[in-house]
Amino acid sequence: MVVARDTPAPDGPVIVGVDGSPVSEAAVAFAFEAASIRGASLTAVMSWQDFLLDSGYHDTKIATDWTQVEDDERRLLAQRLAGWQEKYPDVYVDRVVERDRAARVLMRLGERARLLVVGSHGRGGFTGMLLGSTARTLVHHAPCPLAVVRRS
């Protein structure tokens, strides 16, 4: 699904939200292709919140070692981008890791983007739904064209 609400920044990057899920992998593939076609750079974004859910049973915990969490998120982002940068050597990649809600980070960065790319759902408990909360928020509020990519 593509939503074209506002005029994209003509020289802005393609921005992709990455959460480590299989849907996120499809969004990363789409974003690299889109950046390559447009001759644009790519900004890969991973974010997390203070409250984390852990394990298949969704036991809750409060994360307190933010340095460790950020290091883990940076490693996960690097793993998710591995291989894609070799496949698209013409695409410059900027990595952004932030502690905030994904939709808020993506909307802020989207103000200067040609295209914003996200998966249709991520790590949440409702993975069978068409749109997760981040994608749903962006469909209504993205400041630039938005592509919502479903896993094939």
Foldseek 3Di string as FASTA:
>chain_A
DKDFDAAAQLQFAEEEEAALFLLSLQLLVVRLVVCLVSLHAYEYEYEAEQKDFDDPVRDTDGDDPVVVVQVVRVVSSCVSCPPSCVVRVSHHYHYYYYYDDPLVVQQVSLLNGQEYEYEQDGDDPPVVDRHDPSRVVCSVRRNGMYDYTYRD
